[in-house]
Amino acid sequence: MAESDTIFSSKIKYNGIFNFGDFYNFCYAWLTEEIGLIIMEKKYSEKLSGESKNLEIKWEGFKEMTDYFKMNVKVDFRIANLTKIEINQGGVKINTNKGSIEMKITGMLTRDYKGKFETSAFKKFLRSTYEKWVIPSRIEEFQGKIAQECDEYLNQVKAYLDLEGKR
């Protein structure tokens, strides 16, 4: 069985004005284009309560880093009290949204994701020896890369929401 270690886990909260469609597309595009993940939407639920919506979205993504290492990412969105509003920007009326966002990202490093070292007890022993004595610096390198990419993603999302809110 492949071993996964959680390397990065953090969340952000935002309350204000943003365009939900643009935000959703920005988040998806950054993960797929900038990081190179293959993303699957595991959950999308929408609950209406009067004029507002509450959304829950869960994404899972992965990227094969080598034949031995794989990056797994989980992103959970909770959008509360999403309402449509109209703002006046430079004399032009723009339809957008207002609400609160809570987003959590978890980055994991999976080792031996193909299960090549799981076929016998001797191969499991070889794997533990390999990880402990041969490639510990590579493991640390990939852990740092995952933490860096997840942190950069959160920073980009924060910057996007800051710019949207200041319009």
Foldseek 3Di string as FASTA:
>chain_A
DKDKDWLDKDKDKDFFWFAVVVLVVVLVCCCCPVVNWDKDWPDWDWDDDPQFIWIKTKMWIKDAPDQFKIKIKIKIKIWPRWHWDWDADPNDIDIGIGTMIMMMMIIMMIGRPVCPQVPDPVSVVVVVCCCPPPCVVVVVVVSVVRNVSVVVSVVVSVVNSVVRRVD
